[in-house]
Amino acid sequence: MKIQRSSISILCVSSFARSTELAECWKAVPNDTDVLITHTPPLGYLDQFGEERWGCKDLLYTVERIKPAYHIFGHVHEQHGCLSNGDTTFINAAQCNKGNVIQTRPIIFYIPKRP
């Protein structure tokens, strides 16, 4: 995968923020972001907890808009792993179980250098 851009966005948002506040935060993510790091997953990607989806719909819209090479998040500990939609590799890097005991190994990946 060849990365043409060089921006990394890390968003720290309170888990108590209202959905309208979150939507505004996601809209502020720069279009040239290569690596997006959030706590929350986007809706539909490694966000399933039991029968529920815990991902954020507005965050999904942002990921679809900016198409970062990587979106790294956690929050849903049971969904540790990687998925891709062809544009973005989604990485749920959560390592702990509900009791905060480390249960999985770190996910290691490499971002290719630009020529």
PDB file of N, CA and C in Angstrom:
ATOM      1  N   MET A   1       0.844  -1.170   0.000  1.00  0.00           N
ATOM      2  CA  MET A   1       0.000   0.000   0.000  1.00  0.00           C
ATOM      3  C   MET A   1       0.890   1.234   0.000  1.00  0.00           C
ATOM      4  N   LYS A   2       0.643   2.140  -0.887  1.00  0.00           N
ATOM      5  CA  LYS A   2       1.430   3.359  -0.982  1.00  0.00           C
ATOM      6  C   LYS A   2       0.657   4.517  -0.368  1.00  0.00           C
ATOM      7  N   ILE A   3       1.260   5.172   0.603  1.00  0.00           N
ATOM      8  CA  ILE A   3       0.613   6.294   1.274  1.00  0.00           C
ATOM      9  C   ILE A   3       1.104   7.593   0.650  1.00  0.00           C
ATOM     10  N   GLN A   4       0.185   8.387   0.181  1.00  0.00           N
ATOM     11  CA  GLN A   4       0.523   9.649  -0.474  1.00  0.00           C
ATOM     12  C   GLN A   4       0.498  10.828   0.504  1.00  0.00           C
ATOM     13  N   ARG A   5      -0.222  10.668   1.584  1.00  0.00           N
ATOM     14  CA  ARG A   5      -0.375  11.768   2.535  1.00  0.00           C
ATOM     15  C   ARG A   5       0.501  11.514   3.753  1.00  0.00           C
ATOM     16  N   SER A   6       0.529  12.457   4.685  1.00  0.00           N
ATOM     17  CA  SER A   6       1.411  12.274   5.828  1.00  0.00           C
ATOM     18  C   SER A   6       0.823  12.823   7.125  1.00  0.00           C
ATOM     19  N   SER A   7      -0.450  12.693   7.319  1.00  0.00           N
ATOM     20  CA  SER A   7      -1.080  13.250   8.508  1.00  0.00           C
ATOM     21  C   SER A   7      -1.584  12.147   9.422  1.00  0.00           C
ATOM     22  N   ILE A   8      -1.353  12.320  10.713  1.00  0.00           N
ATOM     23  CA  ILE A   8      -1.890  11.427  11.723  1.00  0.00           C
ATOM     24  C   ILE A   8      -2.796  12.254  12.614  1.00  0.00           C
ATOM     25  N   SER A   9      -4.024  11.797  12.834  1.00  0.00           N
ATOM     26  CA  SER A   9      -4.949  12.488  13.728  1.00  0.00           C
ATOM     27  C   SER A   9      -5.250  11.596  14.915  1.00  0.00           C
ATOM     28  N   ILE A  10      -5.066  12.145  16.104  1.00  0.00           N
ATOM     29  CA  ILE A  10      -5.416  11.448  17.335  1.00  0.00           C
ATOM     30  C   ILE A  10      -6.490  12.286  18.002  1.00  0.00           C
ATOM     31  N   LEU A  11      -7.646  11.686  18.221  1.00  0.00           N
ATOM     32  CA  LEU A  11      -8.761  12.419  18.808  1.00  0.00           C
ATOM     33  C   LEU A  11      -9.041  11.905  20.201  1.00  0.00           C
ATOM     34  N   CYS A  12      -9.013  12.796  21.165  1.00  0.00           N
ATOM     35  CA  CYS A  12      -9.364  12.447  22.539  1.00  0.00           C
ATOM     36  C   CYS A  12     -10.695  13.112  22.841  1.00  0.00           C
ATOM     37  N   VAL A  13     -11.722  12.319  22.955  1.00  0.00           N
ATOM     38  CA  VAL A  13     -13.070  12.830  23.159  1.00  0.00           C
ATOM     39  C   VAL A  13     -13.650  12.149  24.385  1.00  0.00           C
ATOM     40  N   SER A  14     -14.301  12.907  25.237  1.00  0.00           N
ATOM     41  CA  SER A  14     -14.928  12.340  26.422  1.00  0.00           C
ATOM     42  C   SER A  14     -15.985  11.326  26.038  1.00  0.00           C
ATOM     43  N   SER A  15     -16.030  10.227  26.762  1.00  0.00           N
ATOM     44  CA  SER A  15     -17.054   9.221  26.497  1.00  0.00           C
ATOM     45  C   SER A  15     -18.431   9.716  26.914  1.00  0.00           C
ATOM     46  N   PHE A  16     -18.481  10.862  27.597  1.00  0.00           N
ATOM     47  CA  PHE A  16     -19.755  11.425  28.015  1.00  0.00           C
ATOM     48  C   PHE A  16     -20.259  12.487  27.042  1.00  0.00           C
ATOM     49  N   ALA A  17     -19.527  12.699  25.970  1.00  0.00           N
ATOM     50  CA  ALA A  17     -19.950  13.693  24.982  1.00  0.00           C
ATOM     51  C   ALA A  17     -21.243  13.235  24.325  1.00  0.00           C
ATOM     52  N   ARG A  18     -22.096  14.195  24.011  1.00  0.00           N
ATOM     53  CA  ARG A  18     -23.343  13.875  23.316  1.00  0.00           C
ATOM     54  C   ARG A  18     -23.045  13.597  21.854  1.00  0.00           C
ATOM     55  N   SER A  19     -23.943  12.878  21.198  1.00  0.00           N
ATOM     56  CA  SER A  19     -23.698  12.490  19.806  1.00  0.00           C
ATOM     57  C   SER A  19     -23.536  13.704  18.901  1.00  0.00           C
ATOM     58  N   THR A  20     -24.230  14.808  19.183  1.00  0.00           N
ATOM     59  CA  THR A  20     -24.059  16.004  18.347  1.00  0.00           C
ATOM     60  C   THR A  20     -22.662  16.580  18.514  1.00  0.00           C
ATOM     61  N   GLU A  21     -22.118  16.519  19.743  1.00  0.00           N
ATOM     62  CA  GLU A  21     -20.751  16.998  19.975  1.00  0.00           C
ATOM     63  C   GLU A  21     -19.747  16.096  19.266  1.00  0.00           C
ATOM     64  N   LEU A  22     -19.973  14.782  19.325  1.00  0.00           N
ATOM     65  CA  LEU A  22     -19.080  13.854  18.646  1.00  0.00           C
ATOM     66  C   LEU A  22     -19.102  14.078  17.139  1.00  0.00           C
ATOM     67  N   ALA A  23     -20.275  14.266  16.579  1.00  0.00           N
ATOM     68  CA  ALA A  23     -20.388  14.487  15.136  1.00  0.00           C
ATOM     69  C   ALA A  23     -19.553  15.695  14.719  1.00  0.00           C
ATOM     70  N   GLU A  24     -19.564  16.737  15.522  1.00  0.00           N
ATOM     71  CA  GLU A  24     -18.767  17.929  15.210  1.00  0.00           C
ATOM     72  C   GLU A  24     -17.271  17.632  15.313  1.00  0.00           C
ATOM     73  N   CYS A  25     -16.878  16.823  16.294  1.00  0.00           N
ATOM     74  CA  CYS A  25     -15.461  16.435  16.416  1.00  0.00           C
ATOM     75  C   CYS A  25     -15.015  15.662  15.187  1.00  0.00           C
ATOM     76  N   TRP A  26     -15.825  14.697  14.762  1.00  0.00           N
ATOM     77  CA  TRP A  26     -15.450  13.878  13.606  1.00  0.00           C
ATOM     78  C   TRP A  26     -15.357  14.727  12.346  1.00  0.00           C
ATOM     79  N   LYS A  27     -16.223  15.727  12.206  1.00  0.00           N
ATOM     80  CA  LYS A  27     -16.166  16.599  11.016  1.00  0.00           C
ATOM     81  C   LYS A  27     -14.856  17.390  10.964  1.00  0.00           C
ATOM     82  N   ALA A  28     -14.225  17.594  12.115  1.00  0.00           N
ATOM     83  CA  ALA A  28     -12.982  18.378  12.176  1.00  0.00           C
ATOM     84  C   ALA A  28     -11.743  17.572  11.790  1.00  0.00           C
ATOM     85  N   VAL A  29     -11.877  16.278  11.549  1.00  0.00           N
ATOM     86  CA  VAL A  29     -10.723  15.465  11.165  1.00  0.00           C
ATOM     87  C   VAL A  29     -10.245  15.918   9.783  1.00  0.00           C
ATOM     88  N   PRO A  30      -8.960  16.236   9.640  1.00  0.00           N
ATOM     89  CA  PRO A  30      -8.451  16.705   8.344  1.00  0.00           C
ATOM     90  C   PRO A  30      -8.605  15.655   7.241  1.00  0.00           C
ATOM     91  N   ASN A  31      -8.895  16.121   6.046  1.00  0.00           N
ATOM     92  CA  ASN A  31      -9.079  15.226   4.898  1.00  0.00           C
ATOM     93  C   ASN A  31      -7.819  14.460   4.521  1.00  0.00           C
ATOM     94  N   ASP A  32      -6.645  14.959   4.897  1.00  0.00           N
ATOM     95  CA  ASP A  32      -5.392  14.304   4.500  1.00  0.00           C
ATOM     96  C   ASP A  32      -4.850  13.369   5.580  1.00  0.00           C
ATOM     97  N   THR A  33      -5.703  12.907   6.480  1.00  0.00           N
ATOM     98  CA  THR A  33      -5.280  12.017   7.556  1.00  0.00           C
ATOM     99  C   THR A  33      -4.981  10.626   7.016  1.00  0.00           C
ATOM    100  N   ASP A  34      -3.803  10.114   7.311  1.00  0.00           N
ATOM    101  CA  ASP A  34      -3.408   8.751   6.929  1.00  0.00           C
ATOM    102  C   ASP A  34      -3.738   7.738   8.008  1.00  0.00           C
ATOM    103  N   VAL A  35      -3.491   8.136   9.273  1.00  0.00           N
ATOM    104  CA  VAL A  35      -3.703   7.242  10.407  1.00  0.00           C
ATOM    105  C   VAL A  35      -4.616   7.964  11.392  1.00  0.00           C
ATOM    106  N   LEU A  36      -5.785   7.401  11.610  1.00  0.00           N
ATOM    107  CA  LEU A  36      -6.758   7.970  12.531  1.00  0.00           C
ATOM    108  C   LEU A  36      -6.797   7.093  13.781  1.00  0.00           C
ATOM    109  N   ILE A  37      -6.612   7.704  14.958  1.00  0.00           N
ATOM    110  CA  ILE A  37      -6.638   6.972  16.218  1.00  0.00           C
ATOM    111  C   ILE A  37      -7.764   7.540  17.071  1.00  0.00           C
ATOM    112  N   THR A  38      -8.712   6.679  17.434  1.00  0.00           N
ATOM    113  CA  THR A  38      -9.824   7.081  18.290  1.00  0.00           C
ATOM    114  C   THR A  38     -10.016   6.015  19.356  1.00  0.00           C
ATOM    115  N   HIS A  39     -10.815   6.310  20.349  1.00  0.00           N
ATOM    116  CA  HIS A  39     -11.158   5.292  21.339  1.00  0.00           C
ATOM    117  C   HIS A  39     -12.296   4.427  20.803  1.00  0.00           C
ATOM    118  N   THR A  40     -13.255   5.058  20.200  1.00  0.00           N
ATOM    119  CA  THR A  40     -14.471   4.415  19.715  1.00  0.00           C
ATOM    120  C   THR A  40     -14.277   3.847  18.315  1.00  0.00           C
ATOM    121  N   PRO A  41     -14.863   2.690  18.018  1.00  0.00           N
ATOM    122  CA  PRO A  41     -14.828   2.179  16.649  1.00  0.00           C
ATOM    123  C   PRO A  41     -15.907   2.827  15.795  1.00  0.00           C
ATOM    124  N   PRO A  42     -15.745   2.771  14.478  1.00  0.00           N
ATOM    125  CA  PRO A  42     -16.841   3.198  13.609  1.00  0.00           C
ATOM    126  C   PRO A  42     -17.907   2.101  13.572  1.00  0.00           C
ATOM    127  N   LEU A  43     -19.111   2.481  13.283  1.00  0.00           N
ATOM    128  CA  LEU A  43     -20.210   1.522  13.219  1.00  0.00           C
ATOM    129  C   LEU A  43     -19.924   0.440  12.181  1.00  0.00           C
ATOM    130  N   GLY A  44     -20.056  -0.822  12.601  1.00  0.00           N
ATOM    131  CA  GLY A  44     -19.939  -1.944  11.678  1.00  0.00           C
ATOM    132  C   GLY A  44     -18.561  -2.554  11.538  1.00  0.00           C
ATOM    133  N   TYR A  45     -17.564  -1.990  12.195  1.00  0.00           N
ATOM    134  CA  TYR A  45     -16.199  -2.517  12.090  1.00  0.00           C
ATOM    135  C   TYR A  45     -15.659  -2.868  13.473  1.00  0.00           C
ATOM    136  N   LEU A  46     -15.608  -4.161  13.768  1.00  0.00           N
ATOM    137  CA  LEU A  46     -15.042  -4.653  15.018  1.00  0.00           C
ATOM    138  C   LEU A  46     -15.666  -3.964  16.228  1.00  0.00           C
ATOM    139  N   ASP A  47     -16.985  -3.769  16.155  1.00  0.00           N
ATOM    140  CA  ASP A  47     -17.697  -3.023  17.194  1.00  0.00           C
ATOM    141  C   ASP A  47     -18.817  -3.815  17.851  1.00  0.00           C
ATOM    142  N   GLN A  48     -18.898  -5.120  17.596  1.00  0.00           N
ATOM    143  CA  GLN A  48     -20.019  -5.888  18.112  1.00  0.00           C
ATOM    144  C   GLN A  48     -19.767  -6.359  19.539  1.00  0.00           C
ATOM    145  N   PHE A  49     -20.710  -6.062  20.411  1.00  0.00           N
ATOM    146  CA  PHE A  49     -20.672  -6.504  21.800  1.00  0.00           C
ATOM    147  C   PHE A  49     -21.967  -7.266  22.050  1.00  0.00           C
ATOM    148  N   GLY A  50     -21.863  -8.587  22.134  1.00  0.00           N
ATOM    149  CA  GLY A  50     -23.065  -9.410  22.222  1.00  0.00           C
ATOM    150  C   GLY A  50     -23.872  -9.262  20.944  1.00  0.00           C
ATOM    151  N   GLU A  51     -25.110  -8.883  21.081  1.00  0.00           N
ATOM    152  CA  GLU A  51     -25.982  -8.671  19.917  1.00  0.00           C
ATOM    153  C   GLU A  51     -26.011  -7.210  19.476  1.00  0.00           C
ATOM    154  N   GLU A  52     -25.285  -6.348  20.164  1.00  0.00           N
ATOM    155  CA  GLU A  52     -25.321  -4.910  19.889  1.00  0.00           C
ATOM    156  C   GLU A  52     -24.090  -4.445  19.129  1.00  0.00           C
ATOM    157  N   ARG A  53     -24.264  -3.367  18.376  1.00  0.00           N
ATOM    158  CA  ARG A  53     -23.153  -2.660  17.734  1.00  0.00           C
ATOM    159  C   ARG A  53     -22.874  -1.413  18.554  1.00  0.00           C
ATOM    160  N   TRP A  54     -21.632  -1.239  18.984  1.00  0.00           N
ATOM    161  CA  TRP A  54     -21.264  -0.100  19.814  1.00  0.00           C
ATOM    162  C   TRP A  54     -20.533   0.980  19.026  1.00  0.00           C
ATOM    163  N   GLY A  55     -20.363   0.810  17.726  1.00  0.00           N
ATOM    164  CA  GLY A  55     -19.647   1.796  16.925  1.00  0.00           C
ATOM    165  C   GLY A  55     -20.455   3.065  16.694  1.00  0.00           C
ATOM    166  N   CYS A  56     -19.759   4.093  16.239  1.00  0.00           N
ATOM    167  CA  CYS A  56     -20.355   5.414  16.020  1.00  0.00           C
ATOM    168  C   CYS A  56     -20.640   5.619  14.528  1.00  0.00           C
ATOM    169  N   LYS A  57     -21.889   5.918  14.212  1.00  0.00           N
ATOM    170  CA  LYS A  57     -22.311   6.137  12.824  1.00  0.00           C
ATOM    171  C   LYS A  57     -21.613   7.363  12.222  1.00  0.00           C
ATOM    172  N   ASP A  58     -21.520   8.448  12.977  1.00  0.00           N
ATOM    173  CA  ASP A  58     -20.889   9.662  12.454  1.00  0.00           C
ATOM    174  C   ASP A  58     -19.395   9.463  12.230  1.00  0.00           C
ATOM    175  N   LEU A  59     -18.762   8.652  13.070  1.00  0.00           N
ATOM    176  CA  LEU A  59     -17.347   8.336  12.856  1.00  0.00           C
ATOM    177  C   LEU A  59     -17.183   7.519  11.572  1.00  0.00           C
ATOM    178  N   LEU A  60     -18.097   6.606  11.318  1.00  0.00           N
ATOM    179  CA  LEU A  60     -18.061   5.835  10.071  1.00  0.00           C
ATOM    180  C   LEU A  60     -18.137   6.767   8.863  1.00  0.00           C
ATOM    181  N   TYR A  61     -19.032   7.750   8.909  1.00  0.00           N
ATOM    182  CA  TYR A  61     -19.143   8.710   7.805  1.00  0.00           C
ATOM    183  C   TYR A  61     -17.825   9.453   7.599  1.00  0.00           C
ATOM    184  N   THR A  62     -17.151   9.795   8.694  1.00  0.00           N
ATOM    185  CA  THR A  62     -15.860  10.491   8.587  1.00  0.00           C
ATOM    186  C   THR A  62     -14.805   9.598   7.959  1.00  0.00           C
ATOM    187  N   VAL A  63     -14.734   8.344   8.388  1.00  0.00           N
ATOM    188  CA  VAL A  63     -13.756   7.406   7.818  1.00  0.00           C
ATOM    189  C   VAL A  63     -14.029   7.219   6.323  1.00  0.00           C
ATOM    190  N   GLU A  64     -15.286   7.120   5.948  1.00  0.00           N
ATOM    191  CA  GLU A  64     -15.633   6.972   4.528  1.00  0.00           C
ATOM    192  C   GLU A  64     -15.275   8.224   3.740  1.00  0.00           C
ATOM    193  N   ARG A  65     -15.322   9.394   4.386  1.00  0.00           N
ATOM    194  CA  ARG A  65     -14.991  10.659   3.713  1.00  0.00           C
ATOM    195  C   ARG A  65     -13.482  10.804   3.512  1.00  0.00           C
ATOM    196  N   ILE A  66     -12.692  10.545   4.567  1.00  0.00           N
ATOM    197  CA  ILE A  66     -11.258  10.830   4.465  1.00  0.00           C
ATOM    198  C   ILE A  66     -10.443   9.629   3.981  1.00  0.00           C
ATOM    199  N   LYS A  67     -10.991   8.423   4.109  1.00  0.00           N
ATOM    200  CA  LYS A  67     -10.315   7.203   3.672  1.00  0.00           C
ATOM    201  C   LYS A  67      -8.868   7.103   4.192  1.00  0.00           C
ATOM    202  N   PRO A  68      -8.687   7.118   5.532  1.00  0.00           N
ATOM    203  CA  PRO A  68      -7.323   6.952   6.045  1.00  0.00           C
ATOM    204  C   PRO A  68      -6.812   5.556   5.719  1.00  0.00           C
ATOM    205  N   ALA A  69      -5.519   5.401   5.625  1.00  0.00           N
ATOM    206  CA  ALA A  69      -4.954   4.076   5.378  1.00  0.00           C
ATOM    207  C   ALA A  69      -5.232   3.158   6.567  1.00  0.00           C
ATOM    208  N   TYR A  70      -5.213   3.720   7.791  1.00  0.00           N
ATOM    209  CA  TYR A  70      -5.427   2.944   9.006  1.00  0.00           C
ATOM    210  C   TYR A  70      -6.334   3.699   9.958  1.00  0.00           C
ATOM    211  N   HIS A  71      -7.248   2.984  10.580  1.00  0.00           N
ATOM    212  CA  HIS A  71      -8.041   3.530  11.686  1.00  0.00           C
ATOM    213  C   HIS A  71      -7.853   2.587  12.861  1.00  0.00           C
ATOM    214  N   ILE A  72      -7.253   3.106  13.932  1.00  0.00           N
ATOM    215  CA  ILE A  72      -6.923   2.310  15.114  1.00  0.00           C
ATOM    216  C   ILE A  72      -7.816   2.761  16.262  1.00  0.00           C
ATOM    217  N   PHE A  73      -8.391   1.803  16.960  1.00  0.00           N
ATOM    218  CA  PHE A  73      -9.306   2.114  18.052  1.00  0.00           C
ATOM    219  C   PHE A  73      -9.330   0.941  19.016  1.00  0.00           C
ATOM    220  N   GLY A  74     -10.168   1.032  20.040  1.00  0.00           N
ATOM    221  CA  GLY A  74     -10.328  -0.036  21.022  1.00  0.00           C
ATOM    222  C   GLY A  74     -11.777  -0.092  21.455  1.00  0.00           C
ATOM    223  N   HIS A  75     -12.022   0.132  22.714  1.00  0.00           N
ATOM    224  CA  HIS A  75     -13.332   0.226  23.345  1.00  0.00           C
ATOM    225  C   HIS A  75     -14.064  -1.110  23.438  1.00  0.00           C
ATOM    226  N   VAL A  76     -14.259  -1.808  22.347  1.00  0.00           N
ATOM    227  CA  VAL A  76     -14.962  -3.089  22.388  1.00  0.00           C
ATOM    228  C   VAL A  76     -13.903  -4.185  22.485  1.00  0.00           C
ATOM    229  N   HIS A  77     -13.572  -4.568  23.707  1.00  0.00           N
ATOM    230  CA  HIS A  77     -12.457  -5.477  23.961  1.00  0.00           C
ATOM    231  C   HIS A  77     -12.623  -6.827  23.283  1.00  0.00           C
ATOM    232  N   GLU A  78     -13.838  -7.283  23.153  1.00  0.00           N
ATOM    233  CA  GLU A  78     -14.097  -8.611  22.600  1.00  0.00           C
ATOM    234  C   GLU A  78     -13.846  -8.702  21.096  1.00  0.00           C
ATOM    235  N   GLN A  79     -13.620  -7.581  20.429  1.00  0.00           N
ATOM    236  CA  GLN A  79     -13.481  -7.575  18.975  1.00  0.00           C
ATOM    237  C   GLN A  79     -12.054  -7.270  18.510  1.00  0.00           C
ATOM    238  N   HIS A  80     -11.065  -7.590  19.311  1.00  0.00           N
ATOM    239  CA  HIS A  80      -9.650  -7.397  18.959  1.00  0.00           C
ATOM    240  C   HIS A  80      -9.362  -8.018  17.595  1.00  0.00           C
ATOM    241  N   GLY A  81      -8.719  -7.268  16.699  1.00  0.00           N
ATOM    242  CA  GLY A  81      -8.374  -7.807  15.393  1.00  0.00           C
ATOM    243  C   GLY A  81      -8.347  -6.740  14.314  1.00  0.00           C
ATOM    244  N   CYS A  82      -8.286  -7.181  13.062  1.00  0.00           N
ATOM    245  CA  CYS A  82      -8.174  -6.279  11.909  1.00  0.00           C
ATOM    246  C   CYS A  82      -9.196  -6.642  10.836  1.00  0.00           C
ATOM    247  N   LEU A  83      -9.677  -5.618  10.147  1.00  0.00           N
ATOM    248  CA  LEU A  83     -10.561  -5.760   8.985  1.00  0.00           C
ATOM    249  C   LEU A  83     -10.193  -4.677   7.983  1.00  0.00           C
ATOM    250  N   SER A  84     -10.581  -4.857   6.740  1.00  0.00           N
ATOM    251  CA  SER A  84     -10.359  -3.830   5.724  1.00  0.00           C
ATOM    252  C   SER A  84     -11.605  -3.695   4.856  1.00  0.00           C
ATOM    253  N   ASN A  85     -11.853  -2.478   4.401  1.00  0.00           N
ATOM    254  CA  ASN A  85     -12.932  -2.246   3.443  1.00  0.00           C
ATOM    255  C   ASN A  85     -12.358  -1.954   2.050  1.00  0.00           C
ATOM    256  N   GLY A  86     -11.059  -2.164   1.879  1.00  0.00           N
ATOM    257  CA  GLY A  86     -10.401  -1.894   0.610  1.00  0.00           C
ATOM    258  C   GLY A  86      -9.680  -0.552   0.592  1.00  0.00           C
ATOM    259  N   ASP A  87     -10.175   0.415   1.347  1.00  0.00           N
ATOM    260  CA  ASP A  87      -9.532   1.726   1.458  1.00  0.00           C
ATOM    261  C   ASP A  87      -8.809   1.885   2.793  1.00  0.00           C
ATOM    262  N   THR A  88      -9.416   1.357   3.839  1.00  0.00           N
ATOM    263  CA  THR A  88      -8.921   1.547   5.196  1.00  0.00           C
ATOM    264  C   THR A  88      -8.754   0.197   5.881  1.00  0.00           C
ATOM    265  N   THR A  89      -7.656   0.047   6.630  1.00  0.00           N
ATOM    266  CA  THR A  89      -7.484  -1.101   7.501  1.00  0.00           C
ATOM    267  C   THR A  89      -7.922  -0.671   8.890  1.00  0.00           C
ATOM    268  N   PHE A  90      -8.915  -1.373   9.433  1.00  0.00           N
ATOM    269  CA  PHE A  90      -9.457  -1.083  10.755  1.00  0.00           C
ATOM    270  C   PHE A  90      -8.773  -2.006  11.759  1.00  0.00           C
ATOM    271  N   ILE A  91      -8.228  -1.424  12.827  1.00  0.00           N
ATOM    272  CA  ILE A  91      -7.506  -2.200  13.828  1.00  0.00           C
ATOM    273  C   ILE A  91      -8.115  -1.930  15.197  1.00  0.00           C
ATOM    274  N   ASN A  92      -8.762  -2.953  15.757  1.00  0.00           N
ATOM    275  CA  ASN A  92      -9.225  -2.867  17.134  1.00  0.00           C
ATOM    276  C   ASN A  92      -8.081  -3.407  17.994  1.00  0.00           C
ATOM    277  N   ALA A  93      -7.368  -2.504  18.637  1.00  0.00           N
ATOM    278  CA  ALA A  93      -6.151  -2.854  19.368  1.00  0.00           C
ATOM    279  C   ALA A  93      -6.404  -3.139  20.845  1.00  0.00           C
ATOM    280  N   ALA A  94      -7.669  -3.284  21.253  1.00  0.00           N
ATOM    281  CA  ALA A  94      -7.982  -3.572  22.655  1.00  0.00           C
ATOM    282  C   ALA A  94      -7.306  -4.876  23.071  1.00  0.00           C
ATOM    283  N   GLN A  95      -6.655  -4.870  24.217  1.00  0.00           N
ATOM    284  CA  GLN A  95      -5.926  -6.049  24.676  1.00  0.00           C
ATOM    285  C   GLN A  95      -6.491  -6.664  25.938  1.00  0.00           C
ATOM    286  N   CYS A  96      -7.322  -5.928  26.667  1.00  0.00           N
ATOM    287  CA  CYS A  96      -7.806  -6.416  27.952  1.00  0.00           C
ATOM    288  C   CYS A  96      -9.214  -6.974  27.844  1.00  0.00           C
ATOM    289  N   ASN A  97      -9.534  -7.870  28.774  1.00  0.00           N
ATOM    290  CA  ASN A  97     -10.906  -8.347  28.872  1.00  0.00           C
ATOM    291  C   ASN A  97     -11.697  -7.374  29.758  1.00  0.00           C
ATOM    292  N   LYS A  98     -12.939  -7.711  30.061  1.00  0.00           N
ATOM    293  CA  LYS A  98     -13.783  -6.814  30.876  1.00  0.00           C
ATOM    294  C   LYS A  98     -13.192  -6.552  32.250  1.00  0.00           C
ATOM    295  N   GLY A  99     -12.382  -7.468  32.760  1.00  0.00           N
ATOM    296  CA  GLY A  99     -11.742  -7.299  34.060  1.00  0.00           C
ATOM    297  C   GLY A  99     -10.412  -6.571  33.992  1.00  0.00           C
ATOM    298  N   ASN A 100     -10.089  -5.998  32.831  1.00  0.00           N
ATOM    299  CA  ASN A 100      -8.830  -5.278  32.600  1.00  0.00           C
ATOM    300  C   ASN A 100      -7.597  -6.154  32.756  1.00  0.00           C
ATOM    301  N   VAL A 101      -7.730  -7.411  32.398  1.00  0.00           N
ATOM    302  CA  VAL A 101      -6.600  -8.338  32.367  1.00  0.00           C
ATOM    303  C   VAL A 101      -6.189  -8.505  30.905  1.00  0.00           C
ATOM    304  N   ILE A 102      -4.900  -8.332  30.618  1.00  0.00           N
ATOM    305  CA  ILE A 102      -4.424  -8.463  29.244  1.00  0.00           C
ATOM    306  C   ILE A 102      -4.670  -9.883  28.760  1.00  0.00           C
ATOM    307  N   GLN A 103      -5.335 -10.010  27.612  1.00  0.00           N
ATOM    308  CA  GLN A 103      -5.664 -11.341  27.102  1.00  0.00           C
ATOM    309  C   GLN A 103      -5.205 -11.566  25.667  1.00  0.00           C
ATOM    310  N   THR A 104      -4.807 -10.530  24.958  1.00  0.00           N
ATOM    311  CA  THR A 104      -4.375 -10.704  23.571  1.00  0.00           C
ATOM    312  C   THR A 104      -3.023 -10.030  23.356  1.00  0.00           C
ATOM    313  N   ARG A 105      -2.383 -10.432  22.292  1.00  0.00           N
ATOM    314  CA  ARG A 105      -1.083  -9.863  21.946  1.00  0.00           C
ATOM    315  C   ARG A 105      -1.269  -8.555  21.178  1.00  0.00           C
ATOM    316  N   PRO A 106      -0.282  -7.666  21.229  1.00  0.00           N
ATOM    317  CA  PRO A 106      -0.372  -6.423  20.456  1.00  0.00           C
ATOM    318  C   PRO A 106      -0.453  -6.718  18.954  1.00  0.00           C
ATOM    319  N   ILE A 107      -1.076  -5.833  18.235  1.00  0.00           N
ATOM    320  CA  ILE A 107      -1.111  -5.919  16.774  1.00  0.00           C
ATOM    321  C   ILE A 107       0.017  -5.038  16.251  1.00  0.00           C
ATOM    322  N   ILE A 108       0.902  -5.627  15.506  1.00  0.00           N
ATOM    323  CA  ILE A 108       2.046  -4.898  14.951  1.00  0.00           C
ATOM    324  C   ILE A 108       1.848  -4.779  13.451  1.00  0.00           C
ATOM    325  N   PHE A 109       2.001  -3.577  12.946  1.00  0.00           N
ATOM    326  CA  PHE A 109       1.884  -3.360  11.512  1.00  0.00           C
ATOM    327  C   PHE A 109       2.892  -2.291  11.105  1.00  0.00           C
ATOM    328  N   TYR A 110       3.192  -2.261   9.857  1.00  0.00           N
ATOM    329  CA  TYR A 110       4.204  -1.345   9.339  1.00  0.00           C
ATOM    330  C   TYR A 110       3.586  -0.407   8.340  1.00  0.00           C
ATOM    331  N   ILE A 111       3.956   0.853   8.451  1.00  0.00           N
ATOM    332  CA  ILE A 111       3.524   1.853   7.477  1.00  0.00           C
ATOM    333  C   ILE A 111       4.703   2.065   6.544  1.00  0.00           C
ATOM    334  N   PRO A 112       4.512   1.823   5.247  1.00  0.00           N
ATOM    335  CA  PRO A 112       5.627   1.970   4.314  1.00  0.00           C
ATOM    336  C   PRO A 112       6.141   3.403   4.265  1.00  0.00           C
ATOM    337  N   LYS A 113       7.465   3.517   4.134  1.00  0.00           N
ATOM    338  CA  LYS A 113       8.085   4.845   3.984  1.00  0.00           C
ATOM    339  C   LYS A 113       7.753   5.409   2.616  1.00  0.00           C
ATOM    340  N   ARG A 114       7.676   6.706   2.577  1.00  0.00           N
ATOM    341  CA  ARG A 114       7.492   7.359   1.285  1.00  0.00           C
ATOM    342  C   ARG A 114       8.852   7.426   0.590  1.00  0.00           C
ATOM    343  N   PRO A 115       8.856   7.272  -0.731  1.00  0.00           N
ATOM    344  CA  PRO A 115      10.127   7.329  -1.460  1.00  0.00           C
ATOM    345  C   PRO A 115      10.761   8.709  -1.405  1.00  0.00           C
TER     346      PRO A 115
END
